[in-house]
């Protein structure tokens, strides 16, 4: 089919050569307004490289958080029902710690505006 032909062509053209790897670059900028009226700009950066002999950076940065969250649900660490976003400390703190154990780290800088 035409889709199979295009897929095969792209797979051959876009596959990594030996010793090549991918990279993930992510930046979030968050402005916080504190109760006392101060404003803070937080910059959170993550750079992660894939392993030429193993998983890509994309596979790690998508798969590991999903696997960690699944394990947290199965182990009863996450008790909430339905769609749960990782915006509370009881979810994101252990998740970030486990991601660091897997080699996925971020850096954070902030300035008060």
PDB file of N, CA and C in Angstrom:
ATOM      1  N   UNK A   1       0.844  -1.181   0.000  1.00  0.00           N
ATOM      2  CA  UNK A   1       0.000   0.000   0.000  1.00  0.00           C
ATOM      3  C   UNK A   1       0.892   1.249   0.000  1.00  0.00           C
ATOM      4  N   UNK A   2       0.347   2.381  -0.372  1.00  0.00           N
ATOM      5  CA  UNK A   2       1.135   3.624  -0.348  1.00  0.00           C
ATOM      6  C   UNK A   2       1.674   3.954   1.056  1.00  0.00           C
ATOM      7  N   UNK A   3       0.867   3.685   2.071  1.00  0.00           N
ATOM      8  CA  UNK A   3       1.315   3.969   3.439  1.00  0.00           C
ATOM      9  C   UNK A   3       2.509   3.094   3.814  1.00  0.00           C
ATOM     10  N   UNK A   4       2.466   1.832   3.455  1.00  0.00           N
ATOM     11  CA  UNK A   4       3.592   0.934   3.736  1.00  0.00           C
ATOM     12  C   UNK A   4       4.851   1.383   3.000  1.00  0.00           C
ATOM     13  N   UNK A   5       4.696   1.842   1.774  1.00  0.00           N
ATOM     14  CA  UNK A   5       5.834   2.309   0.989  1.00  0.00           C
ATOM     15  C   UNK A   5       6.475   3.539   1.632  1.00  0.00           C
ATOM     16  N   UNK A   6       5.663   4.502   2.015  1.00  0.00           N
ATOM     17  CA  UNK A   6       6.175   5.713   2.670  1.00  0.00           C
ATOM     18  C   UNK A   6       6.817   5.359   4.009  1.00  0.00           C
ATOM     19  N   UNK A   7       6.166   4.480   4.776  1.00  0.00           N
ATOM     20  CA  UNK A   7       6.706   4.080   6.083  1.00  0.00           C
ATOM     21  C   UNK A   7       8.064   3.426   5.943  1.00  0.00           C
ATOM     22  N   UNK A   8       8.223   2.527   4.988  1.00  0.00           N
ATOM     23  CA  UNK A   8       9.500   1.861   4.767  1.00  0.00           C
ATOM     24  C   UNK A   8      10.570   2.862   4.342  1.00  0.00           C
ATOM     25  N   UNK A   9      10.204   3.766   3.447  1.00  0.00           N
ATOM     26  CA  UNK A   9      11.143   4.785   2.984  1.00  0.00           C
ATOM     27  C   UNK A   9      11.607   5.659   4.149  1.00  0.00           C
ATOM     28  N   UNK A  10      10.664   6.133   4.965  1.00  0.00           N
ATOM     29  CA  UNK A  10      11.021   6.996   6.091  1.00  0.00           C
ATOM     30  C   UNK A  10      11.828   6.238   7.146  1.00  0.00           C
ATOM     31  N   UNK A  11      11.485   4.991   7.399  1.00  0.00           N
ATOM     32  CA  UNK A  11      12.232   4.194   8.380  1.00  0.00           C
ATOM     33  C   UNK A  11      13.689   4.052   7.966  1.00  0.00           C
ATOM     34  N   UNK A  12      13.920   3.868   6.681  1.00  0.00           N
ATOM     35  CA  UNK A  12      15.304   3.749   6.198  1.00  0.00           C
ATOM     36  C   UNK A  12      16.034   5.085   6.245  1.00  0.00           C
ATOM     37  N   UNK A  13      15.349   6.151   5.917  1.00  0.00           N
ATOM     38  CA  UNK A  13      15.992   7.478   5.881  1.00  0.00           C
ATOM     39  C   UNK A  13      16.210   8.074   7.266  1.00  0.00           C
ATOM     40  N   UNK A  14      15.310   7.782   8.197  1.00  0.00           N
ATOM     41  CA  UNK A  14      15.343   8.445   9.494  1.00  0.00           C
ATOM     42  C   UNK A  14      15.955   7.602  10.616  1.00  0.00           C
ATOM     43  N   UNK A  15      16.384   6.388  10.325  1.00  0.00           N
ATOM     44  CA  UNK A  15      16.977   5.568  11.385  1.00  0.00           C
ATOM     45  C   UNK A  15      18.366   6.095  11.726  1.00  0.00           C
ATOM     46  N   UNK A  16      18.753   5.895  12.983  1.00  0.00           N
ATOM     47  CA  UNK A  16      20.059   6.365  13.441  1.00  0.00           C
ATOM     48  C   UNK A  16      21.162   5.482  12.881  1.00  0.00           C
ATOM     49  N   UNK A  17      22.279   6.121  12.524  1.00  0.00           N
ATOM     50  CA  UNK A  17      23.467   5.370  12.159  1.00  0.00           C
ATOM     51  C   UNK A  17      24.156   4.897  13.428  1.00  0.00           C
ATOM     52  N   UNK A  18      25.098   4.007  13.289  1.00  0.00           N
ATOM     53  CA  UNK A  18      25.828   3.504  14.453  1.00  0.00           C
ATOM     54  C   UNK A  18      26.466   4.681  15.189  1.00  0.00           C
ATOM     55  N   UNK A  19      26.378   4.669  16.494  1.00  0.00           N
ATOM     56  CA  UNK A  19      26.939   5.689  17.386  1.00  0.00           C
ATOM     57  C   UNK A  19      26.172   7.014  17.366  1.00  0.00           C
ATOM     58  N   UNK A  20      25.068   7.114  16.635  1.00  0.00           N
ATOM     59  CA  UNK A  20      24.228   8.310  16.718  1.00  0.00           C
ATOM     60  C   UNK A  20      23.217   8.126  17.849  1.00  0.00           C
ATOM     61  N   UNK A  21      22.737   9.239  18.359  1.00  0.00           N
ATOM     62  CA  UNK A  21      21.744   9.186  19.422  1.00  0.00           C
ATOM     63  C   UNK A  21      20.839  10.406  19.336  1.00  0.00           C
ATOM     64  N   UNK A  22      19.715  10.300  19.977  1.00  0.00           N
ATOM     65  CA  UNK A  22      18.798  11.431  20.004  1.00  0.00           C
ATOM     66  C   UNK A  22      19.015  12.241  21.274  1.00  0.00           C
ATOM     67  N   UNK A  23      18.345  13.372  21.334  1.00  0.00           N
ATOM     68  CA  UNK A  23      18.444  14.256  22.484  1.00  0.00           C
ATOM     69  C   UNK A  23      17.078  14.882  22.732  1.00  0.00           C
ATOM     70  N   UNK A  24      16.736  15.013  24.009  1.00  0.00           N
ATOM     71  CA  UNK A  24      15.515  15.707  24.411  1.00  0.00           C
ATOM     72  C   UNK A  24      15.936  16.992  25.096  1.00  0.00           C
ATOM     73  N   UNK A  25      15.362  18.085  24.675  1.00  0.00           N
ATOM     74  CA  UNK A  25      15.582  19.381  25.315  1.00  0.00           C
ATOM     75  C   UNK A  25      14.212  19.936  25.670  1.00  0.00           C
ATOM     76  N   UNK A  26      13.988  20.164  26.963  1.00  0.00           N
ATOM     77  CA  UNK A  26      12.695  20.658  27.404  1.00  0.00           C
ATOM     78  C   UNK A  26      12.912  21.852  28.330  1.00  0.00           C
ATOM     79  N   UNK A  27      12.108  22.869  28.163  1.00  0.00           N
ATOM     80  CA  UNK A  27      12.164  24.042  29.036  1.00  0.00           C
ATOM     81  C   UNK A  27      10.749  24.464  29.391  1.00  0.00           C
ATOM     82  N   UNK A  28      10.545  24.682  30.673  1.00  0.00           N
ATOM     83  CA  UNK A  28       9.277  25.210  31.163  1.00  0.00           C
ATOM     84  C   UNK A  28       9.576  26.506  31.889  1.00  0.00           C
ATOM     85  N   UNK A  29       8.781  27.510  31.640  1.00  0.00           N
ATOM     86  CA  UNK A  29       8.851  28.757  32.395  1.00  0.00           C
ATOM     87  C   UNK A  29       7.514  28.956  33.083  1.00  0.00           C
ATOM     88  N   UNK A  30       7.586  29.113  34.392  1.00  0.00           N
ATOM     89  CA  UNK A  30       6.378  29.226  35.206  1.00  0.00           C
ATOM     90  C   UNK A  30       6.481  30.492  36.038  1.00  0.00           C
ATOM     91  N   UNK A  31       5.461  31.314  35.998  1.00  0.00           N
ATOM     92  CA  UNK A  31       5.412  32.503  36.847  1.00  0.00           C
ATOM     93  C   UNK A  31       4.523  32.198  38.045  1.00  0.00           C
ATOM     94  N   UNK A  32       5.086  32.450  39.233  1.00  0.00           N
ATOM     95  CA  UNK A  32       4.369  32.198  40.483  1.00  0.00           C
ATOM     96  C   UNK A  32       4.052  33.539  41.132  1.00  0.00           C
ATOM     97  N   UNK A  33       2.807  33.719  41.532  1.00  0.00           N
ATOM     98  CA  UNK A  33       2.436  34.893  42.320  1.00  0.00           C
ATOM     99  C   UNK A  33       2.195  34.398  43.740  1.00  0.00           C
ATOM    100  N   UNK A  34       3.076  34.824  44.659  1.00  0.00           N
ATOM    101  CA  UNK A  34       3.009  34.402  46.043  1.00  0.00           C
ATOM    102  C   UNK A  34       1.962  35.216  46.795  1.00  0.00           C
ATOM    103  N   UNK A  35       1.440  34.681  47.910  1.00  0.00           N
ATOM    104  CA  UNK A  35       0.396  35.384  48.667  1.00  0.00           C
ATOM    105  C   UNK A  35       0.792  36.791  49.104  1.00  0.00           C
ATOM    106  N   UNK A  36       2.096  37.038  49.295  1.00  0.00           N
ATOM    107  CA  UNK A  36       2.522  38.377  49.722  1.00  0.00           C
ATOM    108  C   UNK A  36       2.664  39.347  48.542  1.00  0.00           C
ATOM    109  N   UNK A  37       2.297  38.889  47.330  1.00  0.00           N
ATOM    110  CA  UNK A  37       2.329  39.761  46.157  1.00  0.00           C
ATOM    111  C   UNK A  37       3.580  39.648  45.311  1.00  0.00           C
ATOM    112  N   UNK A  38       4.616  39.009  45.820  1.00  0.00           N
ATOM    113  CA  UNK A  38       5.838  38.855  45.016  1.00  0.00           C
ATOM    114  C   UNK A  38       5.565  37.935  43.833  1.00  0.00           C
ATOM    115  N   UNK A  39       6.309  38.160  42.763  1.00  0.00           N
ATOM    116  CA  UNK A  39       6.223  37.290  41.591  1.00  0.00           C
ATOM    117  C   UNK A  39       7.573  36.653  41.349  1.00  0.00           C
ATOM    118  N   UNK A  40       7.550  35.371  41.031  1.00  0.00           N
ATOM    119  CA  UNK A  40       8.766  34.614  40.801  1.00  0.00           C
ATOM    120  C   UNK A  40       8.665  33.919  39.449  1.00  0.00           C
ATOM    121  N   UNK A  41       9.744  33.999  38.681  1.00  0.00           N
ATOM    122  CA  UNK A  41       9.819  33.290  37.405  1.00  0.00           C
ATOM    123  C   UNK A  41      10.728  32.094  37.590  1.00  0.00           C
ATOM    124  N   UNK A  42      10.178  30.901  37.414  1.00  0.00           N
ATOM    125  CA  UNK A  42      10.952  29.675  37.541  1.00  0.00           C
ATOM    126  C   UNK A  42      11.218  29.123  36.149  1.00  0.00           C
ATOM    127  N   UNK A  43      12.471  28.811  35.890  1.00  0.00           N
ATOM    128  CA  UNK A  43      12.858  28.163  34.642  1.00  0.00           C
ATOM    129  C   UNK A  43      13.321  26.754  34.938  1.00  0.00           C
ATOM    130  N   UNK A  44      12.695  25.769  34.332  1.00  0.00           N
ATOM    131  CA  UNK A  44      13.040  24.374  34.557  1.00  0.00           C
ATOM    132  C   UNK A  44      13.512  23.800  33.225  1.00  0.00           C
ATOM    133  N   UNK A  45      14.736  23.282  33.221  1.00  0.00           N
ATOM    134  CA  UNK A  45      15.350  22.754  32.005  1.00  0.00           C
ATOM    135  C   UNK A  45      15.664  21.275  32.166  1.00  0.00           C
ATOM    136  N   UNK A  46      15.503  20.541  31.088  1.00  0.00           N
ATOM    137  CA  UNK A  46      15.921  19.145  31.070  1.00  0.00           C
ATOM    138  C   UNK A  46      16.576  18.860  29.724  1.00  0.00           C
ATOM    139  N   UNK A  47      17.768  18.289  29.788  1.00  0.00           N
ATOM    140  CA  UNK A  47      18.468  17.816  28.596  1.00  0.00           C
ATOM    141  C   UNK A  47      18.807  16.360  28.862  1.00  0.00           C
ATOM    142  N   UNK A  48      18.413  15.499  27.958  1.00  0.00           N
ATOM    143  CA  UNK A  48      18.699  14.079  28.133  1.00  0.00           C
ATOM    144  C   UNK A  48      19.081  13.477  26.789  1.00  0.00           C
ATOM    145  N   UNK A  49      20.122  12.664  26.792  1.00  0.00           N
ATOM    146  CA  UNK A  49      20.612  12.023  25.574  1.00  0.00           C
ATOM    147  C   UNK A  49      20.277  10.540  25.578  1.00  0.00           C
ATOM    148  N   UNK A  50      19.972  10.026  24.407  1.00  0.00           N
ATOM    149  CA  UNK A  50      19.726   8.601  24.261  1.00  0.00           C
ATOM    150  C   UNK A  50      21.025   7.819  24.282  1.00  0.00           C
ATOM    151  N   UNK A  51      20.899   6.530  24.419  1.00  0.00           N
ATOM    152  CA  UNK A  51      22.043   5.622  24.439  1.00  0.00           C
ATOM    153  C   UNK A  51      22.135   4.950  23.066  1.00  0.00           C
ATOM    154  N   UNK A  52      23.244   5.130  22.347  1.00  0.00           N
ATOM    155  CA  UNK A  52      23.338   4.524  21.014  1.00  0.00           C
ATOM    156  C   UNK A  52      23.190   3.000  21.040  1.00  0.00           C
ATOM    157  N   UNK A  53      23.495   2.389  22.178  1.00  0.00           N
ATOM    158  CA  UNK A  53      23.402   0.925  22.293  1.00  0.00           C
ATOM    159  C   UNK A  53      22.165   0.490  23.085  1.00  0.00           C
ATOM    160  N   UNK A  54      21.297   1.448  23.408  1.00  0.00           N
ATOM    161  CA  UNK A  54      20.129   1.115  24.234  1.00  0.00           C
ATOM    162  C   UNK A  54      18.927   1.932  23.841  1.00  0.00           C
ATOM    163  N   UNK A  55      18.223   2.436  24.860  1.00  0.00           N
ATOM    164  CA  UNK A  55      16.989   3.186  24.634  1.00  0.00           C
ATOM    165  C   UNK A  55      17.263   4.609  24.174  1.00  0.00           C
ATOM    166  N   UNK A  56      16.356   5.136  23.364  1.00  0.00           N
ATOM    167  CA  UNK A  56      16.445   6.534  22.947  1.00  0.00           C
ATOM    168  C   UNK A  56      16.026   7.425  24.112  1.00  0.00           C
ATOM    169  N   UNK A  57      16.416   8.689  24.024  1.00  0.00           N
ATOM    170  CA  UNK A  57      15.998   9.656  25.041  1.00  0.00           C
ATOM    171  C   UNK A  57      14.482   9.790  25.040  1.00  0.00           C
ATOM    172  N   UNK A  58      13.871   9.742  23.879  1.00  0.00           N
ATOM    173  CA  UNK A  58      12.422   9.834  23.787  1.00  0.00           C
ATOM    174  C   UNK A  58      11.761   8.656  24.495  1.00  0.00           C
ATOM    175  N   UNK A  59      12.282   7.453  24.282  1.00  0.00           N
ATOM    176  CA  UNK A  59      11.713   6.271  24.936  1.00  0.00           C
ATOM    177  C   UNK A  59      11.835   6.379  26.451  1.00  0.00           C
ATOM    178  N   UNK A  60      12.996   6.852  26.921  1.00  0.00           N
ATOM    179  CA  UNK A  60      13.200   6.967  28.370  1.00  0.00           C
ATOM    180  C   UNK A  60      12.314   8.039  28.996  1.00  0.00           C
ATOM    181  N   UNK A  61      12.260   9.217  28.372  1.00  0.00           N
ATOM    182  CA  UNK A  61      11.538  10.333  28.983  1.00  0.00           C
ATOM    183  C   UNK A  61      10.020  10.197  28.866  1.00  0.00           C
ATOM    184  N   UNK A  62       9.560   9.310  28.006  1.00  0.00           N
ATOM    185  CA  UNK A  62       8.119   9.029  27.926  1.00  0.00           C
ATOM    186  C   UNK A  62       7.790   7.754  28.699  1.00  0.00           C
ATOM    187  N   UNK A  63       8.591   6.729  28.494  1.00  0.00           N
ATOM    188  CA  UNK A  63       8.308   5.424  29.088  1.00  0.00           C
ATOM    189  C   UNK A  63       8.524   5.354  30.584  1.00  0.00           C
ATOM    190  N   UNK A  64       9.627   5.913  31.081  1.00  0.00           N
ATOM    191  CA  UNK A  64       9.912   5.827  32.517  1.00  0.00           C
ATOM    192  C   UNK A  64       8.838   6.507  33.368  1.00  0.00           C
ATOM    193  N   UNK A  65       8.433   7.742  33.065  1.00  0.00           N
ATOM    194  CA  UNK A  65       7.368   8.337  33.891  1.00  0.00           C
ATOM    195  C   UNK A  65       6.076   7.505  33.878  1.00  0.00           C
ATOM    196  N   UNK A  66       5.741   6.969  32.723  1.00  0.00           N
ATOM    197  CA  UNK A  66       4.532   6.151  32.621  1.00  0.00           C
ATOM    198  C   UNK A  66       4.679   4.883  33.470  1.00  0.00           C
ATOM    199  N   UNK A  67       5.837   4.237  33.389  1.00  0.00           N
ATOM    200  CA  UNK A  67       6.073   3.019  34.167  1.00  0.00           C
ATOM    201  C   UNK A  67       6.083   3.319  35.666  1.00  0.00           C
ATOM    202  N   UNK A  68       6.702   4.430  36.049  1.00  0.00           N
ATOM    203  CA  UNK A  68       6.755   4.808  37.462  1.00  0.00           C
ATOM    204  C   UNK A  68       5.353   5.084  37.990  1.00  0.00           C
ATOM    205  N   UNK A  69       4.563   5.827  37.236  1.00  0.00           N
ATOM    206  CA  UNK A  69       3.193   6.126  37.665  1.00  0.00           C
ATOM    207  C   UNK A  69       2.369   4.843  37.771  1.00  0.00           C
ATOM    208  N   UNK A  70       2.536   3.940  36.827  1.00  0.00           N
ATOM    209  CA  UNK A  70       1.805   2.670  36.866  1.00  0.00           C
ATOM    210  C   UNK A  70       2.165   1.879  38.118  1.00  0.00           C
ATOM    211  N   UNK A  71       3.450   1.819  38.428  1.00  0.00           N
ATOM    212  CA  UNK A  71       3.891   1.104  39.624  1.00  0.00           C
ATOM    213  C   UNK A  71       3.351   1.769  40.884  1.00  0.00           C
ATOM    214  N   UNK A  72       3.313   3.100  40.899  1.00  0.00           N
ATOM    215  CA  UNK A  72       2.761   3.811  42.057  1.00  0.00           C
ATOM    216  C   UNK A  72       1.283   3.478  42.256  1.00  0.00           C
ATOM    217  N   UNK A  73       0.526   3.352  41.173  1.00  0.00           N
ATOM    218  CA  UNK A  73      -0.884   2.972  41.277  1.00  0.00           C
ATOM    219  C   UNK A  73      -0.998   1.531  41.779  1.00  0.00           C
ATOM    220  N   UNK A  74      -0.219   0.626  41.193  1.00  0.00           N
ATOM    221  CA  UNK A  74      -0.292  -0.784  41.588  1.00  0.00           C
ATOM    222  C   UNK A  74       0.142  -1.006  43.032  1.00  0.00           C
ATOM    223  N   UNK A  75       1.126  -0.218  43.495  1.00  0.00           N
ATOM    224  CA  UNK A  75       1.608  -0.343  44.876  1.00  0.00           C
ATOM    225  C   UNK A  75       0.742   0.416  45.877  1.00  0.00           C
ATOM    226  N   UNK A  76      -0.287   1.118  45.396  1.00  0.00           N
ATOM    227  CA  UNK A  76      -1.187   1.842  46.284  1.00  0.00           C
ATOM    228  C   UNK A  76      -0.677   3.209  46.713  1.00  0.00           C
ATOM    229  N   UNK A  77       0.420   3.682  46.126  1.00  0.00           N
ATOM    230  CA  UNK A  77       0.927   5.014  46.466  1.00  0.00           C
ATOM    231  C   UNK A  77       0.011   6.104  45.933  1.00  0.00           C
ATOM    232  N   UNK A  78      -0.631   5.847  44.814  1.00  0.00           N
ATOM    233  CA  UNK A  78      -1.620   6.767  44.255  1.00  0.00           C
ATOM    234  C   UNK A  78      -2.981   6.120  44.471  1.00  0.00           C
ATOM    235  N   UNK A  79      -3.806   6.752  45.286  1.00  0.00           N
ATOM    236  CA  UNK A  79      -5.109   6.207  45.654  1.00  0.00           C
ATOM    237  C   UNK A  79      -6.259   6.856  44.893  1.00  0.00           C
ATOM    238  N   UNK A  80      -6.008   7.986  44.258  1.00  0.00           N
ATOM    239  CA  UNK A  80      -7.086   8.725  43.598  1.00  0.00           C
ATOM    240  C   UNK A  80      -7.646   7.933  42.429  1.00  0.00           C
ATOM    241  N   UNK A  81      -8.890   8.167  42.133  1.00  0.00           N
ATOM    242  CA  UNK A  81      -9.579   7.494  41.030  1.00  0.00           C
ATOM    243  C   UNK A  81      -9.705   8.436  39.843  1.00  0.00           C
ATOM    244  N   UNK A  82      -9.869   7.872  38.665  1.00  0.00           N
ATOM    245  CA  UNK A  82     -10.073   8.660  37.454  1.00  0.00           C
ATOM    246  C   UNK A  82      -8.766   9.205  36.917  1.00  0.00           C
ATOM    247  N   UNK A  83      -8.866  10.260  36.146  1.00  0.00           N
ATOM    248  CA  UNK A  83      -7.678  10.880  35.562  1.00  0.00           C
ATOM    249  C   UNK A  83      -6.985  11.714  36.631  1.00  0.00           C
ATOM    250  N   UNK A  84      -5.736  11.384  36.897  1.00  0.00           N
ATOM    251  CA  UNK A  84      -4.979  12.041  37.959  1.00  0.00           C
ATOM    252  C   UNK A  84      -3.776  12.738  37.331  1.00  0.00           C
ATOM    253  N   UNK A  85      -3.671  14.031  37.551  1.00  0.00           N
ATOM    254  CA  UNK A  85      -2.524  14.792  37.056  1.00  0.00           C
ATOM    255  C   UNK A  85      -1.461  14.868  38.152  1.00  0.00           C
ATOM    256  N   UNK A  86      -0.186  14.838  37.780  1.00  0.00           N
ATOM    257  CA  UNK A  86       0.884  14.806  38.788  1.00  0.00           C
ATOM    258  C   UNK A  86       1.248  16.186  39.323  1.00  0.00           C
ATOM    259  N   UNK A  87       0.254  16.934  39.778  1.00  0.00           N
ATOM    260  CA  UNK A  87       0.492  18.304  40.240  1.00  0.00           C
ATOM    261  C   UNK A  87       0.558  18.427  41.757  1.00  0.00           C
ATOM    262  N   UNK A  88       0.379  17.326  42.453  1.00  0.00           N
ATOM    263  CA  UNK A  88       0.462  17.383  43.914  1.00  0.00           C
ATOM    264  C   UNK A  88       1.780  16.752  44.358  1.00  0.00           C
ATOM    265  N   UNK A  89       2.320  17.260  45.468  1.00  0.00           N
ATOM    266  CA  UNK A  89       3.633  16.828  45.933  1.00  0.00           C
ATOM    267  C   UNK A  89       3.701  15.330  46.209  1.00  0.00           C
ATOM    268  N   UNK A  90       2.609  14.738  46.666  1.00  0.00           N
ATOM    269  CA  UNK A  90       2.633  13.310  46.975  1.00  0.00           C
ATOM    270  C   UNK A  90       2.808  12.446  45.728  1.00  0.00           C
ATOM    271  N   UNK A  91       2.574  13.030  44.562  1.00  0.00           N
ATOM    272  CA  UNK A  91       2.780  12.299  43.310  1.00  0.00           C
ATOM    273  C   UNK A  91       4.093  12.721  42.642  1.00  0.00           C
ATOM    274  N   UNK A  92       4.305  14.024  42.468  1.00  0.00           N
ATOM    275  CA  UNK A  92       5.467  14.423  41.671  1.00  0.00           C
ATOM    276  C   UNK A  92       6.800  14.279  42.399  1.00  0.00           C
ATOM    277  N   UNK A  93       6.830  14.419  43.716  1.00  0.00           N
ATOM    278  CA  UNK A  93       8.122  14.291  44.412  1.00  0.00           C
ATOM    279  C   UNK A  93       8.711  12.882  44.300  1.00  0.00           C
ATOM    280  N   UNK A  94       7.948  11.826  44.631  1.00  0.00           N
ATOM    281  CA  UNK A  94       8.531  10.489  44.462  1.00  0.00           C
ATOM    282  C   UNK A  94       8.818  10.157  42.995  1.00  0.00           C
ATOM    283  N   UNK A  95       7.983  10.683  42.104  1.00  0.00           N
ATOM    284  CA  UNK A  95       8.219  10.410  40.685  1.00  0.00           C
ATOM    285  C   UNK A  95       9.527  11.052  40.225  1.00  0.00           C
ATOM    286  N   UNK A  96       9.762  12.317  40.596  1.00  0.00           N
ATOM    287  CA  UNK A  96      11.010  12.980  40.208  1.00  0.00           C
ATOM    288  C   UNK A  96      12.222  12.284  40.824  1.00  0.00           C
ATOM    289  N   UNK A  97      12.096  11.824  42.055  1.00  0.00           N
ATOM    290  CA  UNK A  97      13.200  11.104  42.700  1.00  0.00           C
ATOM    291  C   UNK A  97      13.515   9.822  41.935  1.00  0.00           C
ATOM    292  N   UNK A  98      12.499   9.103  41.535  1.00  0.00           N
ATOM    293  CA  UNK A  98      12.711   7.846  40.798  1.00  0.00           C
ATOM    294  C   UNK A  98      13.259   8.113  39.397  1.00  0.00           C
ATOM    295  N   UNK A  99      12.841   9.213  38.781  1.00  0.00           N
ATOM    296  CA  UNK A  99      13.407   9.572  37.480  1.00  0.00           C
ATOM    297  C   UNK A  99      14.891   9.910  37.621  1.00  0.00           C
ATOM    298  N   UNK A 100      15.261  10.610  38.702  1.00  0.00           N
ATOM    299  CA  UNK A 100      16.679  10.907  38.941  1.00  0.00           C
ATOM    300  C   UNK A 100      17.475   9.606  39.094  1.00  0.00           C
ATOM    301  N   UNK A 101      16.884   8.627  39.762  1.00  0.00           N
ATOM    302  CA  UNK A 101      17.555   7.331  39.908  1.00  0.00           C
ATOM    303  C   UNK A 101      17.778   6.649  38.562  1.00  0.00           C
ATOM    304  N   UNK A 102      16.957   6.989  37.580  1.00  0.00           N
ATOM    305  CA  UNK A 102      17.099   6.448  36.220  1.00  0.00           C
ATOM    306  C   UNK A 102      17.994   7.324  35.343  1.00  0.00           C
ATOM    307  N   UNK A 103      18.535   8.398  35.921  1.00  0.00           N
ATOM    308  CA  UNK A 103      19.438   9.268  35.162  1.00  0.00           C
ATOM    309  C   UNK A 103      18.758  10.425  34.463  1.00  0.00           C
ATOM    310  N   UNK A 104      17.483  10.649  34.725  1.00  0.00           N
ATOM    311  CA  UNK A 104      16.754  11.753  34.102  1.00  0.00           C
ATOM    312  C   UNK A 104      16.648  12.868  35.137  1.00  0.00           C
ATOM    313  N   UNK A 105      17.353  13.957  34.866  1.00  0.00           N
ATOM    314  CA  UNK A 105      17.429  15.067  35.828  1.00  0.00           C
ATOM    315  C   UNK A 105      17.057  16.380  35.163  1.00  0.00           C
ATOM    316  N   UNK A 106      16.657  17.312  36.017  1.00  0.00           N
ATOM    317  CA  UNK A 106      16.362  18.650  35.530  1.00  0.00           C
ATOM    318  C   UNK A 106      17.155  19.647  36.362  1.00  0.00           C
ATOM    319  N   UNK A 107      17.247  20.853  35.859  1.00  0.00           N
ATOM    320  CA  UNK A 107      17.845  21.952  36.620  1.00  0.00           C
ATOM    321  C   UNK A 107      16.798  23.046  36.708  1.00  0.00           C
ATOM    322  N   UNK A 108      16.844  23.752  37.810  1.00  0.00           N
ATOM    323  CA  UNK A 108      15.835  24.794  38.041  1.00  0.00           C
ATOM    324  C   UNK A 108      16.538  26.070  38.497  1.00  0.00           C
ATOM    325  N   UNK A 109      16.122  27.161  37.931  1.00  0.00           N
ATOM    326  CA  UNK A 109      16.598  28.481  38.341  1.00  0.00           C
ATOM    327  C   UNK A 109      15.396  29.391  38.484  1.00  0.00           C
ATOM    328  N   UNK A 110      15.476  30.297  39.431  1.00  0.00           N
ATOM    329  CA  UNK A 110      14.351  31.220  39.586  1.00  0.00           C
ATOM    330  C   UNK A 110      14.867  32.615  39.890  1.00  0.00           C
ATOM    331  N   UNK A 111      14.062  33.583  39.474  1.00  0.00           N
ATOM    332  CA  UNK A 111      14.341  34.975  39.774  1.00  0.00           C
ATOM    333  C   UNK A 111      13.036  35.629  40.217  1.00  0.00           C
ATOM    334  N   UNK A 112      13.164  36.568  41.145  1.00  0.00           N
ATOM    335  CA  UNK A 112      11.990  37.309  41.557  1.00  0.00           C
ATOM    336  C   UNK A 112      11.862  38.532  40.659  1.00  0.00           C
ATOM    337  N   UNK A 113      10.656  38.762  40.186  1.00  0.00           N
ATOM    338  CA  UNK A 113      10.395  39.844  39.236  1.00  0.00           C
ATOM    339  C   UNK A 113      10.040  41.127  39.971  1.00  0.00           C
TER     340      UNK A 113
END
